[in-house]
Amino acid sequence: MDHSAPMLASFEALPDMLTAKDLEAVLQIDRKTIDTNDQRGLIPYMRIASNVRFYKQQVMRWLEERSFQPRLVHGKGAKRQ
């Protein structure tokens, strides 16, 4: 089951330029966490005077790069690498 599909669908409906409040709603993480991550340079953003904005496509790419993809295990007793 793909749990990311509803999030990505709602993400696609957003404008190209996002606020931290937009990300908070879609990613369901606290605004303080978003602020901390952009201050530490962990999430792509741009600053316009004192305002922080996020390009939707950059954030989507950033999320994809951090997405965990489990290894397939073939049969009982499969060797770990």
PDB file of N, CA and C in Angstrom:
ATOM      1  N   MET A   1       0.845  -1.177   0.000  1.00  0.00           N
ATOM      2  CA  MET A   1       0.000   0.000   0.000  1.00  0.00           C
ATOM      3  C   MET A   1       0.893   1.244   0.000  1.00  0.00           C
ATOM      4  N   ASP A   2       0.579   2.203  -0.831  1.00  0.00           N
ATOM      5  CA  ASP A   2       1.381   3.418  -0.950  1.00  0.00           C
ATOM      6  C   ASP A   2       0.749   4.525  -0.122  1.00  0.00           C
ATOM      7  N   HIS A   3       1.326   4.789   1.070  1.00  0.00           N
ATOM      8  CA  HIS A   3       0.789   5.827   1.953  1.00  0.00           C
ATOM      9  C   HIS A   3       1.165   7.231   1.492  1.00  0.00           C
ATOM     10  N   SER A   4       2.132   7.354   0.589  1.00  0.00           N
ATOM     11  CA  SER A   4       2.569   8.673   0.155  1.00  0.00           C
ATOM     12  C   SER A   4       1.651   9.266  -0.909  1.00  0.00           C
ATOM     13  N   ALA A   5       0.821   8.470  -1.543  1.00  0.00           N
ATOM     14  CA  ALA A   5      -0.020   8.959  -2.635  1.00  0.00           C
ATOM     15  C   ALA A   5      -0.930  10.111  -2.232  1.00  0.00           C
ATOM     16  N   PRO A   6      -1.690  10.042  -1.106  1.00  0.00           N
ATOM     17  CA  PRO A   6      -2.531  11.179  -0.735  1.00  0.00           C
ATOM     18  C   PRO A   6      -1.721  12.445  -0.456  1.00  0.00           C
ATOM     19  N   MET A   7      -0.558  12.294   0.203  1.00  0.00           N
ATOM     20  CA  MET A   7       0.275  13.451   0.491  1.00  0.00           C
ATOM     21  C   MET A   7       0.768  14.080  -0.809  1.00  0.00           C
ATOM     22  N   LEU A   8       1.229  13.256  -1.755  1.00  0.00           N
ATOM     23  CA  LEU A   8       1.735  13.788  -3.011  1.00  0.00           C
ATOM     24  C   LEU A   8       0.635  14.440  -3.826  1.00  0.00           C
ATOM     25  N   ALA A   9      -0.564  13.883  -3.781  1.00  0.00           N
ATOM     26  CA  ALA A   9      -1.688  14.485  -4.508  1.00  0.00           C
ATOM     27  C   ALA A   9      -2.004  15.863  -3.951  1.00  0.00           C
ATOM     28  N   SER A  10      -2.028  15.998  -2.622  1.00  0.00           N
ATOM     29  CA  SER A  10      -2.308  17.305  -2.032  1.00  0.00           C
ATOM     30  C   SER A  10      -1.135  18.255  -2.254  1.00  0.00           C
ATOM     31  N   PHE A  11       0.070  17.716  -2.301  1.00  0.00           N
ATOM     32  CA  PHE A  11       1.259  18.525  -2.555  1.00  0.00           C
ATOM     33  C   PHE A  11       1.210  19.096  -3.966  1.00  0.00           C
ATOM     34  N   GLU A  12       0.787  18.279  -4.927  1.00  0.00           N
ATOM     35  CA  GLU A  12       0.693  18.722  -6.319  1.00  0.00           C
ATOM     36  C   GLU A  12      -0.300  19.866  -6.488  1.00  0.00           C
ATOM     37  N   ALA A  13      -1.333  19.915  -5.663  1.00  0.00           N
ATOM     38  CA  ALA A  13      -2.364  20.945  -5.775  1.00  0.00           C
ATOM     39  C   ALA A  13      -1.899  22.307  -5.254  1.00  0.00           C
ATOM     40  N   LEU A  14      -0.782  22.337  -4.545  1.00  0.00           N
ATOM     41  CA  LEU A  14      -0.276  23.587  -3.975  1.00  0.00           C
ATOM     42  C   LEU A  14       0.364  24.470  -5.038  1.00  0.00           C
ATOM     43  N   PRO A  15       0.491  25.768  -4.751  1.00  0.00           N
ATOM     44  CA  PRO A  15       1.186  26.655  -5.688  1.00  0.00           C
ATOM     45  C   PRO A  15       2.674  26.309  -5.762  1.00  0.00           C
ATOM     46  N   ASP A  16       3.370  26.847  -6.745  1.00  0.00           N
ATOM     47  CA  ASP A  16       4.790  26.539  -6.933  1.00  0.00           C
ATOM     48  C   ASP A  16       5.673  27.082  -5.813  1.00  0.00           C
ATOM     49  N   MET A  17       5.262  28.169  -5.183  1.00  0.00           N
ATOM     50  CA  MET A  17       6.018  28.773  -4.086  1.00  0.00           C
ATOM     51  C   MET A  17       5.240  28.540  -2.797  1.00  0.00           C
ATOM     52  N   LEU A  18       5.895  27.932  -1.795  1.00  0.00           N
ATOM     53  CA  LEU A  18       5.215  27.537  -0.564  1.00  0.00           C
ATOM     54  C   LEU A  18       5.743  28.297   0.649  1.00  0.00           C
ATOM     55  N   THR A  19       4.874  28.437   1.626  1.00  0.00           N
ATOM     56  CA  THR A  19       5.272  28.993   2.921  1.00  0.00           C
ATOM     57  C   THR A  19       5.549  27.831   3.874  1.00  0.00           C
ATOM     58  N   ALA A  20       6.140  28.133   5.013  1.00  0.00           N
ATOM     59  CA  ALA A  20       6.355  27.112   6.043  1.00  0.00           C
ATOM     60  C   ALA A  20       5.010  26.559   6.516  1.00  0.00           C
ATOM     61  N   LYS A  21       3.994  27.407   6.549  1.00  0.00           N
ATOM     62  CA  LYS A  21       2.654  26.957   6.951  1.00  0.00           C
ATOM     63  C   LYS A  21       2.104  25.929   5.959  1.00  0.00           C
ATOM     64  N   ASP A  22       2.347  26.148   4.660  1.00  0.00           N
ATOM     65  CA  ASP A  22       1.943  25.172   3.643  1.00  0.00           C
ATOM     66  C   ASP A  22       2.620  23.825   3.896  1.00  0.00           C
ATOM     67  N   LEU A  23       3.935  23.865   4.133  1.00  0.00           N
ATOM     68  CA  LEU A  23       4.675  22.625   4.380  1.00  0.00           C
ATOM     69  C   LEU A  23       4.209  21.939   5.653  1.00  0.00           C
ATOM     70  N   GLU A  24       3.933  22.715   6.671  1.00  0.00           N
ATOM     71  CA  GLU A  24       3.447  22.157   7.936  1.00  0.00           C
ATOM     72  C   GLU A  24       2.169  21.344   7.696  1.00  0.00           C
ATOM     73  N   ALA A  25       1.261  21.886   6.901  1.00  0.00           N
ATOM     74  CA  ALA A  25      -0.014  21.213   6.644  1.00  0.00           C
ATOM     75  C   ALA A  25       0.169  19.949   5.807  1.00  0.00           C
ATOM     76  N   VAL A  26       0.971  20.029   4.774  1.00  0.00           N
ATOM     77  CA  VAL A  26       1.118  18.901   3.868  1.00  0.00           C
ATOM     78  C   VAL A  26       2.001  17.802   4.451  1.00  0.00           C
ATOM     79  N   LEU A  27       3.121  18.185   5.051  1.00  0.00           N
ATOM     80  CA  LEU A  27       4.050  17.186   5.581  1.00  0.00           C
ATOM     81  C   LEU A  27       3.661  16.707   6.970  1.00  0.00           C
ATOM     82  N   GLN A  28       2.750  17.428   7.599  1.00  0.00           N
ATOM     83  CA  GLN A  28       2.277  17.098   8.944  1.00  0.00           C
ATOM     84  C   GLN A  28       3.434  17.042   9.946  1.00  0.00           C
ATOM     85  N   ILE A  29       4.292  18.054   9.859  1.00  0.00           N
ATOM     86  CA  ILE A  29       5.351  18.232  10.853  1.00  0.00           C
ATOM     87  C   ILE A  29       5.254  19.656  11.378  1.00  0.00           C
ATOM     88  N   ASP A  30       5.723  19.852  12.582  1.00  0.00           N
ATOM     89  CA  ASP A  30       5.601  21.128  13.259  1.00  0.00           C
ATOM     90  C   ASP A  30       6.363  22.232  12.535  1.00  0.00           C
ATOM     91  N   ARG A  31       5.801  23.407  12.542  1.00  0.00           N
ATOM     92  CA  ARG A  31       6.431  24.575  11.911  1.00  0.00           C
ATOM     93  C   ARG A  31       7.820  24.843  12.484  1.00  0.00           C
ATOM     94  N   LYS A  32       7.997  24.627  13.781  1.00  0.00           N
ATOM     95  CA  LYS A  32       9.313  24.837  14.400  1.00  0.00           C
ATOM     96  C   LYS A  32      10.348  23.898  13.810  1.00  0.00           C
ATOM     97  N   THR A  33       9.937  22.684  13.484  1.00  0.00           N
ATOM     98  CA  THR A  33      10.843  21.719  12.855  1.00  0.00           C
ATOM     99  C   THR A  33      11.237  22.200  11.466  1.00  0.00           C
ATOM    100  N   ILE A  34      10.286  22.719  10.722  1.00  0.00           N
ATOM    101  CA  ILE A  34      10.573  23.266   9.396  1.00  0.00           C
ATOM    102  C   ILE A  34      11.536  24.440   9.520  1.00  0.00           C
ATOM    103  N   ASP A  35      11.264  25.359  10.449  1.00  0.00           N
ATOM    104  CA  ASP A  35      12.129  26.521  10.654  1.00  0.00           C
ATOM    105  C   ASP A  35      13.545  26.095  11.027  1.00  0.00           C
ATOM    106  N   THR A  36      13.657  25.123  11.926  1.00  0.00           N
ATOM    107  CA  THR A  36      14.975  24.632  12.345  1.00  0.00           C
ATOM    108  C   THR A  36      15.724  24.024  11.162  1.00  0.00           C
ATOM    109  N   ASN A  37      15.006  23.238  10.352  1.00  0.00           N
ATOM    110  CA  ASN A  37      15.645  22.597   9.205  1.00  0.00           C
ATOM    111  C   ASN A  37      16.105  23.598   8.163  1.00  0.00           C
ATOM    112  N   ASP A  38      15.329  24.653   7.923  1.00  0.00           N
ATOM    113  CA  ASP A  38      15.804  25.626   6.939  1.00  0.00           C
ATOM    114  C   ASP A  38      16.954  26.460   7.502  1.00  0.00           C
ATOM    115  N   GLN A  39      16.931  26.777   8.782  1.00  0.00           N
ATOM    116  CA  GLN A  39      18.031  27.524   9.396  1.00  0.00           C
ATOM    117  C   GLN A  39      19.341  26.737   9.367  1.00  0.00           C
ATOM    118  N   ARG A  40      19.237  25.430   9.473  1.00  0.00           N
ATOM    119  CA  ARG A  40      20.420  24.565   9.455  1.00  0.00           C
ATOM    120  C   ARG A  40      20.818  24.166   8.036  1.00  0.00           C
ATOM    121  N   GLY A  41      20.059  24.620   7.055  1.00  0.00           N
ATOM    122  CA  GLY A  41      20.368  24.304   5.666  1.00  0.00           C
ATOM    123  C   GLY A  41      20.039  22.876   5.282  1.00  0.00           C
ATOM    124  N   LEU A  42      19.083  22.260   5.972  1.00  0.00           N
ATOM    125  CA  LEU A  42      18.748  20.871   5.715  1.00  0.00           C
ATOM    126  C   LEU A  42      17.609  20.690   4.721  1.00  0.00           C
ATOM    127  N   ILE A  43      16.881  21.762   4.455  1.00  0.00           N
ATOM    128  CA  ILE A  43      15.782  21.718   3.495  1.00  0.00           C
ATOM    129  C   ILE A  43      15.969  22.894   2.532  1.00  0.00           C
ATOM    130  N   PRO A  44      15.744  22.691   1.240  1.00  0.00           N
ATOM    131  CA  PRO A  44      15.955  23.793   0.290  1.00  0.00           C
ATOM    132  C   PRO A  44      14.923  24.909   0.483  1.00  0.00           C
ATOM    133  N   TYR A  45      15.407  26.137   0.489  1.00  0.00           N
ATOM    134  CA  TYR A  45      14.525  27.288   0.675  1.00  0.00           C
ATOM    135  C   TYR A  45      15.143  28.511   0.021  1.00  0.00           C
ATOM    136  N   MET A  46      14.362  29.575  -0.028  1.00  0.00           N
ATOM    137  CA  MET A  46      14.895  30.874  -0.459  1.00  0.00           C
ATOM    138  C   MET A  46      14.384  31.923   0.512  1.00  0.00           C
ATOM    139  N   ARG A  47      15.147  32.957   0.676  1.00  0.00           N
ATOM    140  CA  ARG A  47      14.762  34.032   1.584  1.00  0.00           C
ATOM    141  C   ARG A  47      14.504  35.295   0.768  1.00  0.00           C
ATOM    142  N   ILE A  48      13.351  35.923   1.043  1.00  0.00           N
ATOM    143  CA  ILE A  48      12.993  37.208   0.452  1.00  0.00           C
ATOM    144  C   ILE A  48      12.844  38.149   1.630  1.00  0.00           C
ATOM    145  N   ALA A  49      13.838  38.999   1.831  1.00  0.00           N
ATOM    146  CA  ALA A  49      13.915  39.846   3.029  1.00  0.00           C
ATOM    147  C   ALA A  49      13.857  38.921   4.244  1.00  0.00           C
ATOM    148  N   SER A  50      12.886  39.082   5.116  1.00  0.00           N
ATOM    149  CA  SER A  50      12.810  38.223   6.304  1.00  0.00           C
ATOM    150  C   SER A  50      11.880  37.025   6.100  1.00  0.00           C
ATOM    151  N   ASN A  51      11.357  36.879   4.887  1.00  0.00           N
ATOM    152  CA  ASN A  51      10.414  35.795   4.589  1.00  0.00           C
ATOM    153  C   ASN A  51      11.118  34.599   3.966  1.00  0.00           C
ATOM    154  N   VAL A  52      10.766  33.419   4.427  1.00  0.00           N
ATOM    155  CA  VAL A  52      11.310  32.181   3.879  1.00  0.00           C
ATOM    156  C   VAL A  52      10.233  31.537   3.012  1.00  0.00           C
ATOM    157  N   ARG A  53      10.635  31.121   1.816  1.00  0.00           N
ATOM    158  CA  ARG A  53       9.728  30.442   0.900  1.00  0.00           C
ATOM    159  C   ARG A  53      10.414  29.189   0.370  1.00  0.00           C
ATOM    160  N   PHE A  54       9.591  28.249  -0.072  1.00  0.00           N
ATOM    161  CA  PHE A  54      10.083  26.960  -0.545  1.00  0.00           C
ATOM    162  C   PHE A  54       9.530  26.707  -1.935  1.00  0.00           C
ATOM    163  N   TYR A  55      10.411  26.333  -2.875  1.00  0.00           N
ATOM    164  CA  TYR A  55       9.950  25.941  -4.204  1.00  0.00           C
ATOM    165  C   TYR A  55       9.426  24.515  -4.108  1.00  0.00           C
ATOM    166  N   LYS A  56       8.192  24.324  -4.522  1.00  0.00           N
ATOM    167  CA  LYS A  56       7.540  23.020  -4.404  1.00  0.00           C
ATOM    168  C   LYS A  56       8.365  21.914  -5.062  1.00  0.00           C
ATOM    169  N   GLN A  57       8.859  22.135  -6.272  1.00  0.00           N
ATOM    170  CA  GLN A  57       9.617  21.097  -6.976  1.00  0.00           C
ATOM    171  C   GLN A  57      10.910  20.737  -6.241  1.00  0.00           C
ATOM    172  N   GLN A  58      11.585  21.725  -5.653  1.00  0.00           N
ATOM    173  CA  GLN A  58      12.801  21.445  -4.890  1.00  0.00           C
ATOM    174  C   GLN A  58      12.487  20.628  -3.645  1.00  0.00           C
ATOM    175  N   VAL A  59      11.393  20.957  -2.980  1.00  0.00           N
ATOM    176  CA  VAL A  59      11.001  20.215  -1.774  1.00  0.00           C
ATOM    177  C   VAL A  59      10.615  18.790  -2.151  1.00  0.00           C
ATOM    178  N   MET A  60       9.894  18.613  -3.261  1.00  0.00           N
ATOM    179  CA  MET A  60       9.517  17.265  -3.701  1.00  0.00           C
ATOM    180  C   MET A  60      10.762  16.436  -4.005  1.00  0.00           C
ATOM    181  N   ARG A  61      11.727  17.025  -4.687  1.00  0.00           N
ATOM    182  CA  ARG A  61      12.981  16.330  -4.997  1.00  0.00           C
ATOM    183  C   ARG A  61      13.734  15.982  -3.711  1.00  0.00           C
ATOM    184  N   TRP A  62      13.759  16.929  -2.765  1.00  0.00           N
ATOM    185  CA  TRP A  62      14.415  16.730  -1.470  1.00  0.00           C
ATOM    186  C   TRP A  62      13.772  15.560  -0.730  1.00  0.00           C
ATOM    187  N   LEU A  63      12.455  15.489  -0.743  1.00  0.00           N
ATOM    188  CA  LEU A  63      11.742  14.388  -0.092  1.00  0.00           C
ATOM    189  C   LEU A  63      12.049  13.052  -0.766  1.00  0.00           C
ATOM    190  N   GLU A  64      12.054  13.037  -2.089  1.00  0.00           N
ATOM    191  CA  GLU A  64      12.352  11.802  -2.823  1.00  0.00           C
ATOM    192  C   GLU A  64      13.757  11.297  -2.512  1.00  0.00           C
ATOM    193  N   GLU A  65      14.714  12.209  -2.391  1.00  0.00           N
ATOM    194  CA  GLU A  65      16.091  11.826  -2.087  1.00  0.00           C
ATOM    195  C   GLU A  65      16.221  11.204  -0.700  1.00  0.00           C
ATOM    196  N   ARG A  66      15.315  11.533   0.201  1.00  0.00           N
ATOM    197  CA  ARG A  66      15.378  11.035   1.569  1.00  0.00           C
ATOM    198  C   ARG A  66      14.404   9.895   1.839  1.00  0.00           C
ATOM    199  N   SER A  67      13.719   9.476   0.805  1.00  0.00           N
ATOM    200  CA  SER A  67      12.746   8.407   0.949  1.00  0.00           C
ATOM    201  C   SER A  67      13.442   7.066   1.130  1.00  0.00           C
ATOM    202  N   PHE A  68      13.015   6.301   2.106  1.00  0.00           N
ATOM    203  CA  PHE A  68      13.575   4.987   2.379  1.00  0.00           C
ATOM    204  C   PHE A  68      12.874   3.948   1.517  1.00  0.00           C
ATOM    205  N   GLN A  69      13.652   3.159   0.823  1.00  0.00           N
ATOM    206  CA  GLN A  69      13.122   2.077   0.012  1.00  0.00           C
ATOM    207  C   GLN A  69      13.667   0.766   0.572  1.00  0.00           C
ATOM    208  N   PRO A  70      12.820  -0.033   1.231  1.00  0.00           N
ATOM    209  CA  PRO A  70      13.310  -1.285   1.825  1.00  0.00           C
ATOM    210  C   PRO A  70      13.769  -2.271   0.760  1.00  0.00           C
ATOM    211  N   ARG A  71      14.750  -3.086   1.142  1.00  0.00           N
ATOM    212  CA  ARG A  71      15.239  -4.137   0.252  1.00  0.00           C
ATOM    213  C   ARG A  71      14.206  -5.255   0.199  1.00  0.00           C
ATOM    214  N   LEU A  72      14.102  -5.895  -0.931  1.00  0.00           N
ATOM    215  CA  LEU A  72      13.255  -7.067  -1.049  1.00  0.00           C
ATOM    216  C   LEU A  72      14.011  -8.265  -0.501  1.00  0.00           C
ATOM    217  N   VAL A  73      13.348  -9.075   0.286  1.00  0.00           N
ATOM    218  CA  VAL A  73      13.946 -10.287   0.826  1.00  0.00           C
ATOM    219  C   VAL A  73      13.298 -11.458   0.095  1.00  0.00           C
ATOM    220  N   HIS A  74      14.132 -12.281  -0.508  1.00  0.00           N
ATOM    221  CA  HIS A  74      13.639 -13.416  -1.297  1.00  0.00           C
ATOM    222  C   HIS A  74      13.738 -14.693  -0.473  1.00  0.00           C
ATOM    223  N   GLY A  75      12.608 -15.117   0.034  1.00  0.00           N
ATOM    224  CA  GLY A  75      12.540 -16.398   0.740  1.00  0.00           C
ATOM    225  C   GLY A  75      13.066 -16.354   2.156  1.00  0.00           C
ATOM    226  N   LYS A  76      12.712 -17.362   2.901  1.00  0.00           N
ATOM    227  CA  LYS A  76      13.126 -17.482   4.298  1.00  0.00           C
ATOM    228  C   LYS A  76      14.629 -17.755   4.360  1.00  0.00           C
ATOM    229  N   GLY A  77      15.293 -17.104   5.272  1.00  0.00           N
ATOM    230  CA  GLY A  77      16.722 -17.326   5.465  1.00  0.00           C
ATOM    231  C   GLY A  77      17.601 -16.637   4.440  1.00  0.00           C
ATOM    232  N   ALA A  78      17.068 -15.632   3.749  1.00  0.00           N
ATOM    233  CA  ALA A  78      17.869 -14.906   2.759  1.00  0.00           C
ATOM    234  C   ALA A  78      19.051 -14.242   3.442  1.00  0.00           C
ATOM    235  N   LYS A  79      20.178 -14.231   2.762  1.00  0.00           N
ATOM    236  CA  LYS A  79      21.388 -13.655   3.337  1.00  0.00           C
ATOM    237  C   LYS A  79      21.302 -12.141   3.361  1.00  0.00           C
ATOM    238  N   ARG A  80      21.814 -11.580   4.442  1.00  0.00           N
ATOM    239  CA  ARG A  80      21.912 -10.111   4.544  1.00  0.00           C
ATOM    240  C   ARG A  80      23.212  -9.668   3.921  1.00  0.00           C
ATOM    241  N   GLN A  81      23.171  -8.486   3.346  1.00  0.00           N
ATOM    242  CA  GLN A  81      24.407  -7.961   2.743  1.00  0.00           C
ATOM    243  C   GLN A  81      24.946  -6.834   3.567  1.00  0.00           C
TER     244      GLN A  81
END
